[in-house]
Each structure stands twice: as C-alpha cells, then as structure tokens.
Protein backbone atom coordinates (compact mmCIF):
# COMPACT_ATOMS: atom_id res chain seq x y z
CA UNK A 1 -33.96 -2.59 67.60
CA UNK A 2 -35.18 -0.08 64.98
CA UNK A 3 -37.64 -1.39 62.28
CA UNK A 4 -34.49 -1.91 59.81
CA UNK A 5 -32.10 -3.34 62.52
CA UNK A 6 -32.17 -6.94 61.08
CA UNK A 7 -31.53 -5.35 57.64
CA UNK A 8 -28.74 -3.50 58.99
CA UNK A 9 -27.21 -6.51 60.55
CA UNK A 10 -27.80 -8.42 57.42
CA UNK A 11 -25.89 -6.06 55.46
CA UNK A 12 -23.40 -5.41 58.06
CA UNK A 13 -22.73 -9.45 57.88
CA UNK A 14 -22.50 -9.58 54.18
CA UNK A 15 -20.14 -6.67 54.05
CA UNK A 16 -17.89 -8.36 56.53
CA UNK A 17 -18.14 -11.57 54.57
CA UNK A 18 -17.44 -9.81 51.14
CA UNK A 19 -14.29 -8.12 52.55
CA UNK A 20 -12.83 -10.94 54.47
CA UNK A 21 -13.71 -13.69 52.12
CA UNK A 22 -13.47 -12.07 48.70
CA UNK A 23 -11.21 -8.93 48.95
CA UNK A 24 -8.67 -10.68 51.20
CA UNK A 25 -8.37 -13.25 48.48
CA UNK A 26 -8.05 -10.56 45.72
CA UNK A 27 -11.27 -11.77 44.04
CA UNK A 28 -12.59 -8.07 44.26
CA UNK A 29 -10.72 -5.70 41.67
CA UNK A 30 -13.43 -3.32 40.55
CA UNK A 31 -16.74 -1.79 41.75
CA UNK A 32 -18.57 -4.30 39.83
CA UNK A 33 -16.93 -7.22 41.69
CA UNK A 34 -17.49 -5.72 44.87
CA UNK A 35 -21.09 -5.17 43.90
CA UNK A 36 -21.38 -8.82 42.68
CA UNK A 37 -19.52 -10.20 46.00
CA UNK A 38 -22.08 -8.04 48.31
CA UNK A 39 -25.11 -9.18 46.36
CA UNK A 40 -24.00 -12.78 46.45
CA UNK A 41 -23.25 -12.54 50.36
CA UNK A 42 -26.77 -10.88 50.88
CA UNK A 43 -28.42 -13.45 48.67
CA UNK A 44 -27.14 -16.19 51.08
CA UNK A 45 -28.02 -14.18 54.25
CA UNK A 46 -31.49 -12.77 53.48
CA UNK A 47 -34.60 -14.66 53.79
CA UNK A 48 -36.26 -16.13 50.66
CA UNK A 49 -38.80 -13.78 50.54
CA UNK A 50 -36.57 -10.89 49.86
CA UNK A 51 -36.18 -9.53 46.24
CA UNK A 52 -33.04 -7.86 44.95
CA UNK A 53 -32.57 -5.76 41.90
CA UNK A 54 -29.13 -4.65 40.32
CA UNK A 55 -29.03 -1.35 38.96
CA UNK A 56 -32.92 -0.73 38.58
CA UNK A 57 -33.65 2.56 36.59
CA UNK A 58 -35.54 5.11 38.78
CA UNK A 59 -37.00 7.59 36.92
CA UNK A 60 -38.57 10.85 38.46
CA UNK A 61 -40.02 14.01 36.58
CA UNK A 62 -38.32 16.98 38.11
CA UNK A 63 -39.13 20.58 37.77
CA UNK A 64 -35.96 22.52 36.38
CA UNK A 65 -35.06 26.13 37.77
CA UNK A 66 -36.32 27.52 34.62
CA UNK A 67 -39.71 25.97 35.24
CA UNK A 68 -39.47 23.15 32.85
CA UNK A 69 -40.27 19.60 34.02
CA UNK A 70 -37.90 17.07 33.00
CA UNK A 71 -37.40 13.48 33.33
CA UNK A 72 -34.21 12.21 35.59
CA UNK A 73 -32.74 8.92 36.16
CA UNK A 74 -30.68 7.24 38.76
CA UNK A 75 -29.33 3.65 38.74
CA UNK A 76 -28.74 2.55 42.38
CA UNK A 77 -26.49 -0.38 42.68
CA UNK A 78 -28.64 -2.89 44.68
CA UNK A 79 -32.40 -2.54 45.54
CA UNK A 80 -33.61 -4.82 48.37
CA UNK A 81 -37.55 -5.31 48.86
CA UNK A 82 -39.50 -7.33 51.12
CA UNK A 83 -42.88 -8.73 50.09
CA UNK A 84 -44.47 -5.50 49.72
CA UNK A 85 -42.00 -2.40 49.27
CA UNK A 86 -38.34 -1.45 48.83
CA UNK A 87 -36.62 -1.47 52.13
CA UNK A 88 -33.01 -1.02 51.26
CA UNK A 89 -30.89 0.85 48.38
CA UNK A 90 -26.98 0.38 48.55
CA UNK A 91 -24.43 2.34 46.51
CA UNK A 92 -21.10 0.77 46.35
CA UNK A 93 -17.62 2.32 45.75
CA UNK A 94 -14.26 0.69 44.97
CA UNK A 95 -11.28 3.11 45.44
CA UNK A 96 -8.74 1.07 47.38
CA UNK A 97 -5.89 3.63 46.77
CA UNK A 98 -8.09 6.77 47.00
CA UNK A 99 -10.06 8.73 49.49
CA UNK A 100 -13.73 7.89 49.65
CA UNK A 101 -15.94 9.35 46.65
CA UNK A 102 -19.37 9.70 48.38
CA UNK A 103 -20.94 13.30 47.32
CA UNK A 104 -22.62 11.85 44.12
CA UNK A 105 -24.08 8.81 46.36
CA UNK A 106 -25.42 11.06 48.92
CA UNK A 107 -26.99 13.29 46.55
CA UNK A 108 -28.72 10.29 44.92
CA UNK A 109 -30.18 9.22 48.21
CA UNK A 110 -31.50 12.71 48.73
CA UNK A 111 -33.01 12.67 44.96
CA UNK A 112 -34.54 9.33 45.87
CA UNK A 113 -35.92 10.55 49.19
CA UNK A 114 -37.34 13.84 47.68
CA UNK A 115 -38.95 11.94 44.83
CA UNK A 116 -39.95 8.72 46.62
CA UNK A 117 -43.97 8.98 45.63
CA UNK A 118 -42.69 8.61 42.12
CA UNK A 119 -40.84 5.42 42.35
CA UNK A 120 -42.13 1.77 41.66
CA UNK A 121 -39.55 -1.15 41.30
CA UNK A 122 -41.03 -4.01 39.17
CA UNK A 123 -39.93 -7.34 38.55
CA UNK A 124 -40.59 -7.62 34.79
CA UNK A 125 -39.52 -10.58 32.66
CA UNK A 126 -39.03 -9.92 28.82
CA UNK A 127 -39.81 -13.54 28.14
CA UNK A 128 -40.50 -16.56 29.76
CA UNK A 129 -43.08 -17.58 32.52
CA UNK A 130 -43.87 -14.88 34.78
CA UNK A 131 -43.10 -15.72 38.46
CA UNK A 132 -43.38 -12.54 40.48
CA UNK A 133 -44.43 -9.40 38.44
CA UNK A 134 -45.22 -7.30 41.68
CA UNK A 135 -44.58 -3.62 41.86
CA UNK A 136 -42.54 -2.53 44.94
CA UNK A 137 -43.10 1.12 46.08
CA UNK A 138 -40.50 2.76 48.26
CA UNK A 139 -41.03 2.21 52.10
CA UNK A 140 -41.40 5.15 54.28
CA UNK A 141 -38.43 3.84 56.33
CA UNK A 142 -36.14 2.77 53.44
CA UNK A 143 -32.66 2.16 54.52
CA UNK A 144 -29.80 3.96 52.50
CA UNK A 145 -26.57 2.21 52.59
CA UNK A 146 -23.06 3.64 51.20
CA UNK A 147 -20.55 0.93 51.37
CA UNK A 148 -17.08 1.48 50.10
CA UNK A 149 -13.56 0.06 49.82
CA UNK A 150 -11.16 3.29 50.18
CA UNK A 151 -7.92 4.47 51.38
CA UNK A 152 -7.92 5.18 55.32
CA UNK A 153 -9.66 8.58 55.82
CA UNK A 154 -11.55 8.09 59.13
CA UNK A 155 -14.52 9.97 57.56
CA UNK A 156 -17.89 10.04 59.16
CA UNK A 157 -20.46 10.09 56.48
CA UNK A 158 -23.18 10.65 58.96
CA UNK A 159 -21.96 14.37 59.28
CA UNK A 160 -22.75 14.60 55.38
CA UNK A 161 -26.22 13.19 55.19
CA UNK A 162 -29.10 15.39 55.12
CA UNK A 163 -30.73 15.39 58.52
CA UNK A 164 -34.07 13.85 57.57
CA UNK A 165 -31.98 10.76 56.21
CA UNK A 166 -29.95 10.40 59.37
CA UNK A 167 -31.96 7.61 60.91
CA UNK A 168 -32.40 5.87 57.49
CA UNK A 169 -28.67 5.87 56.53
CA UNK A 170 -25.94 3.15 57.18
CA UNK A 171 -22.22 3.49 56.05
CA UNK A 172 -19.96 0.71 55.95
CA UNK A 173 -16.19 1.28 55.11
CA UNK A 174 -13.18 -1.14 54.31
CA UNK A 175 -10.48 1.38 54.82
CA UNK A 176 -7.36 0.15 52.97
CA UNK A 177 -3.71 0.66 54.14
CA UNK A 178 -0.47 -0.57 52.43
CA UNK A 179 0.61 -4.05 53.55
CA UNK A 180 -2.43 -4.76 55.86
CA UNK A 181 -5.97 -6.20 55.49
CA UNK A 182 -8.78 -3.14 55.32
CA UNK A 183 -10.13 -1.97 58.49
CA UNK A 184 -13.92 -2.70 58.09
CA UNK A 185 -16.27 -0.39 60.07
C-alpha cells in the first residue's frame, strides 16, 4: 500500500457513506451540503490526530507574464492534516444534472503543487483559548482529491491530470441518471 493508502481508503469510505446515506435521502442539494456531508463523514472516520480545514486561504506570490509579481489566492474545499503537515486537499463539485466541471479544480491542484513551498495552513483562533496553533506545511506526497456528483459521463480524470500529479491524485464520482441511485466509482 502506498504512503497515502489509508487516507485514500478513508476518503473512499467517507464518499460512499455521504452518497448512500445523505444523497440517497435527498439531504445533499448543493455543493456546500456535499462539502458538509463529506466533511462530517471524514470527521467520524479519521483518527483524532487529524485536522481538517474548510476553505482555508492559500496565497502564493506568482510572477506574471509582464514580469510583475502578484499575489494569487485559492480556497480548496477541504484540507486534511496529520500532526505535522497537509496530507490531503479535496475539491468537491455538485452538478447532478450536468457533465462534470473539473478543469478549474485540476488547474488549482497544479497551482498548489507548483507553489507548494509557499503554503502553510495554520489553526488560528481569533478569540478564546489557544489549543492548537501549529503551522502545517504541504507534505511532499500530499493527496489531491476531486469528488463530484454529476451526470453520467464515464470520464477518466487521470487522463487530464498533470503527469507529475498522477500518483498523488484520486478522483471519486457519483454519476447520476434519472430514476436511479448514483453509480459510485
């Protein structure tokens, strides 16, 4: 099993549960509710030592074509950390009546991978007692996960991911068809 094999399995189990428990019962009706369901299922499955962040801000300083250096930002849907570093980044899509929209998410994964040395996720509380104020840099083998509820397409996203990310990539689908439960793959 590869280094992120357990996280891959945890994500697959949480995805299966989110779709069969929540989508089947019509409790998922938007991308936000899909994000919440997946987060909750992961929260139950993952060990206590894991930390998850919802839409943390990632900022990188990027050189533009005109030579100027500009800040750029991305807000991945879910970020998963172990006790030392970021080990998973999840983007979710909810398009149950449409073909999957994945290009922006795969571009975000490439952007994060390219600028990985600039990122640190930090658990900052604005008020209250500080419990865990660690900084989490990106792991060298962070897992990039695309999870989508979408119309039946049969698309294989691994064909569209950058070659240097392919071993760090997991795609999870719930493909919808009228009158049937989604096909989970």
